[in-house]
């Protein structure tokens, strides 16, 4: 089974939820994803997703000073992003319940 295809859409929703909890930057998002069990999450996978989410106007990136070197790009949800997180979670619950009934 191609787990990567299954995870693609789920990962976007999870990234948005992490950003919804607090404004954060790429490396921290990867670390949080890994802490939650997404062991395949890597920066090389994350940054194209963040760019796509930014182009969709679901998140907004702002460069801020970092205590450890160059400025970091911090991400926050837009109102469209907040709405998308709510819609994603509703859709996830429906799909999860259907799959759980089958299995």
C-alpha atoms as a PDB file:
ATOM      1  CA  UNK A   1       0.000   0.000   0.000  1.00  0.00           C
ATOM      2  CA  UNK A   2       1.199   3.502  -0.824  1.00  0.00           C
ATOM      3  CA  UNK A   3       1.108   5.079   2.604  1.00  0.00           C
ATOM      4  CA  UNK A   4       2.581   8.322   1.228  1.00  0.00           C
ATOM      5  CA  UNK A   5      -0.502   9.069  -0.888  1.00  0.00           C
ATOM      6  CA  UNK A   6      -2.816   8.399   2.022  1.00  0.00           C
ATOM      7  CA  UNK A   7      -0.788  10.642   4.310  1.00  0.00           C
ATOM      8  CA  UNK A   8      -0.514  13.620   1.941  1.00  0.00           C
ATOM      9  CA  UNK A   9      -3.932  15.128   2.628  1.00  0.00           C
ATOM     10  CA  UNK A  10      -3.939  14.097   6.268  1.00  0.00           C
ATOM     11  CA  UNK A  11      -0.575  15.747   6.810  1.00  0.00           C
ATOM     12  CA  UNK A  12      -1.837  19.104   5.515  1.00  0.00           C
ATOM     13  CA  UNK A  13      -4.687  19.079   8.023  1.00  0.00           C
ATOM     14  CA  UNK A  14      -2.347  18.108  10.860  1.00  0.00           C
ATOM     15  CA  UNK A  15       0.157  20.826   9.940  1.00  0.00           C
ATOM     16  CA  UNK A  16      -2.609  23.403   9.970  1.00  0.00           C
ATOM     17  CA  UNK A  17      -3.806  22.207  13.384  1.00  0.00           C
ATOM     18  CA  UNK A  18      -0.266  22.479  14.800  1.00  0.00           C
ATOM     19  CA  UNK A  19      -0.002  26.031  13.463  1.00  0.00           C
ATOM     20  CA  UNK A  20      -3.478  26.772  14.855  1.00  0.00           C
ATOM     21  CA  UNK A  21      -2.277  25.856  18.356  1.00  0.00           C
ATOM     22  CA  UNK A  22       0.542  28.423  18.211  1.00  0.00           C
ATOM     23  CA  UNK A  23       2.519  30.443  15.700  1.00  0.00           C
ATOM     24  CA  UNK A  24       5.533  28.317  14.855  1.00  0.00           C
ATOM     25  CA  UNK A  25       8.317  27.655  12.319  1.00  0.00           C
ATOM     26  CA  UNK A  26       9.178  24.769  10.015  1.00  0.00           C
ATOM     27  CA  UNK A  27      11.660  22.792  12.098  1.00  0.00           C
ATOM     28  CA  UNK A  28       9.361  22.961  15.133  1.00  0.00           C
ATOM     29  CA  UNK A  29       6.459  21.682  13.020  1.00  0.00           C
ATOM     30  CA  UNK A  30       8.531  18.708  11.851  1.00  0.00           C
ATOM     31  CA  UNK A  31       9.557  17.945  15.432  1.00  0.00           C
ATOM     32  CA  UNK A  32       5.954  18.083  16.642  1.00  0.00           C
ATOM     33  CA  UNK A  33       4.776  15.843  13.783  1.00  0.00           C
ATOM     34  CA  UNK A  34       7.471  13.307  14.685  1.00  0.00           C
ATOM     35  CA  UNK A  35       6.504  13.515  18.370  1.00  0.00           C
ATOM     36  CA  UNK A  36       2.912  12.681  17.375  1.00  0.00           C
ATOM     37  CA  UNK A  37       4.066   9.584  15.483  1.00  0.00           C
ATOM     38  CA  UNK A  38       4.618  10.881  11.940  1.00  0.00           C
ATOM     39  CA  UNK A  39       8.114   9.384  11.866  1.00  0.00           C
ATOM     40  CA  UNK A  40       8.418   9.932   8.098  1.00  0.00           C
ATOM     41  CA  UNK A  41       7.966  13.713   8.491  1.00  0.00           C
ATOM     42  CA  UNK A  42      11.071  15.513   7.216  1.00  0.00           C
ATOM     43  CA  UNK A  43      11.868  19.139   6.454  1.00  0.00           C
ATOM     44  CA  UNK A  44      12.174  18.286   2.759  1.00  0.00           C
ATOM     45  CA  UNK A  45       8.556  17.122   2.796  1.00  0.00           C
ATOM     46  CA  UNK A  46       7.267  19.945   4.989  1.00  0.00           C
ATOM     47  CA  UNK A  47       8.514  23.049   3.194  1.00  0.00           C
ATOM     48  CA  UNK A  48       6.756  22.361  -0.130  1.00  0.00           C
ATOM     49  CA  UNK A  49       3.541  21.759   1.847  1.00  0.00           C
ATOM     50  CA  UNK A  50       3.983  25.032   3.743  1.00  0.00           C
ATOM     51  CA  UNK A  51       4.522  26.854   0.449  1.00  0.00           C
ATOM     52  CA  UNK A  52       1.369  25.319  -0.996  1.00  0.00           C
ATOM     53  CA  UNK A  53      -0.650  26.224   2.123  1.00  0.00           C
ATOM     54  CA  UNK A  54       0.692  29.776   1.921  1.00  0.00           C
ATOM     55  CA  UNK A  55      -0.266  30.048  -1.773  1.00  0.00           C
ATOM     56  CA  UNK A  56      -3.778  28.844  -0.858  1.00  0.00           C
ATOM     57  CA  UNK A  57      -3.839  31.666   1.734  1.00  0.00           C
ATOM     58  CA  UNK A  58      -4.463  29.211   4.572  1.00  0.00           C
ATOM     59  CA  UNK A  59      -1.317  30.335   6.424  1.00  0.00           C
ATOM     60  CA  UNK A  60       0.783  33.479   6.504  1.00  0.00           C
ATOM     61  CA  UNK A  61       4.545  33.473   7.030  1.00  0.00           C
ATOM     62  CA  UNK A  62       6.440  36.247   8.791  1.00  0.00           C
ATOM     63  CA  UNK A  63      10.187  36.444   9.314  1.00  0.00           C
ATOM     64  CA  UNK A  64      11.145  37.044  12.953  1.00  0.00           C
ATOM     65  CA  UNK A  65      14.379  37.246  14.884  1.00  0.00           C
ATOM     66  CA  UNK A  66      15.750  33.982  16.198  1.00  0.00           C
ATOM     67  CA  UNK A  67      17.800  33.643  19.380  1.00  0.00           C
ATOM     68  CA  UNK A  68      19.985  31.099  17.551  1.00  0.00           C
ATOM     69  CA  UNK A  69      21.098  32.766  14.332  1.00  0.00           C
ATOM     70  CA  UNK A  70      19.291  34.020  11.235  1.00  0.00           C
ATOM     71  CA  UNK A  71      15.649  35.059  11.163  1.00  0.00           C
ATOM     72  CA  UNK A  72      13.058  32.283  11.055  1.00  0.00           C
ATOM     73  CA  UNK A  73       9.837  32.221   9.104  1.00  0.00           C
ATOM     74  CA  UNK A  74       6.980  31.797  11.563  1.00  0.00           C
ATOM     75  CA  UNK A  75       3.594  30.642  10.327  1.00  0.00           C
ATOM     76  CA  UNK A  76       0.138  31.591  11.565  1.00  0.00           C
ATOM     77  CA  UNK A  77      -3.300  30.607  10.284  1.00  0.00           C
ATOM     78  CA  UNK A  78      -5.402  33.024   8.310  1.00  0.00           C
ATOM     79  CA  UNK A  79      -9.160  33.077   8.837  1.00  0.00           C
ATOM     80  CA  UNK A  80      -9.431  30.849   5.759  1.00  0.00           C
ATOM     81  CA  UNK A  81      -6.972  28.476   7.425  1.00  0.00           C
ATOM     82  CA  UNK A  82      -9.031  28.367  10.621  1.00  0.00           C
ATOM     83  CA  UNK A  83     -12.146  27.587   8.584  1.00  0.00           C
ATOM     84  CA  UNK A  84     -10.247  24.867   6.689  1.00  0.00           C
ATOM     85  CA  UNK A  85      -9.091  23.222   9.945  1.00  0.00           C
ATOM     86  CA  UNK A  86     -12.699  22.995  11.116  1.00  0.00           C
ATOM     87  CA  UNK A  87     -13.810  21.536   7.765  1.00  0.00           C
ATOM     88  CA  UNK A  88     -10.883  19.103   7.706  1.00  0.00           C
ATOM     89  CA  UNK A  89     -11.672  17.807  11.184  1.00  0.00           C
ATOM     90  CA  UNK A  90     -15.345  17.305  10.325  1.00  0.00           C
ATOM     91  CA  UNK A  91     -14.432  15.407   7.140  1.00  0.00           C
ATOM     92  CA  UNK A  92     -11.821  13.364   9.034  1.00  0.00           C
ATOM     93  CA  UNK A  93     -14.374  12.321  11.651  1.00  0.00           C
ATOM     94  CA  UNK A  94     -16.790  11.163   8.951  1.00  0.00           C
ATOM     95  CA  UNK A  95     -14.134   9.168   7.088  1.00  0.00           C
ATOM     96  CA  UNK A  96     -12.700   7.700  10.295  1.00  0.00           C
ATOM     97  CA  UNK A  97     -16.127   6.561  11.479  1.00  0.00           C
ATOM     98  CA  UNK A  98     -16.856   4.915   8.118  1.00  0.00           C
ATOM     99  CA  UNK A  99     -13.515   3.089   8.037  1.00  0.00           C
ATOM    100  CA  UNK A 100     -13.872   2.046  11.681  1.00  0.00           C
ATOM    101  CA  UNK A 101     -17.318   0.550  10.934  1.00  0.00           C
ATOM    102  CA  UNK A 102     -15.872  -1.479   8.065  1.00  0.00           C
ATOM    103  CA  UNK A 103     -12.906  -2.780  10.077  1.00  0.00           C
END
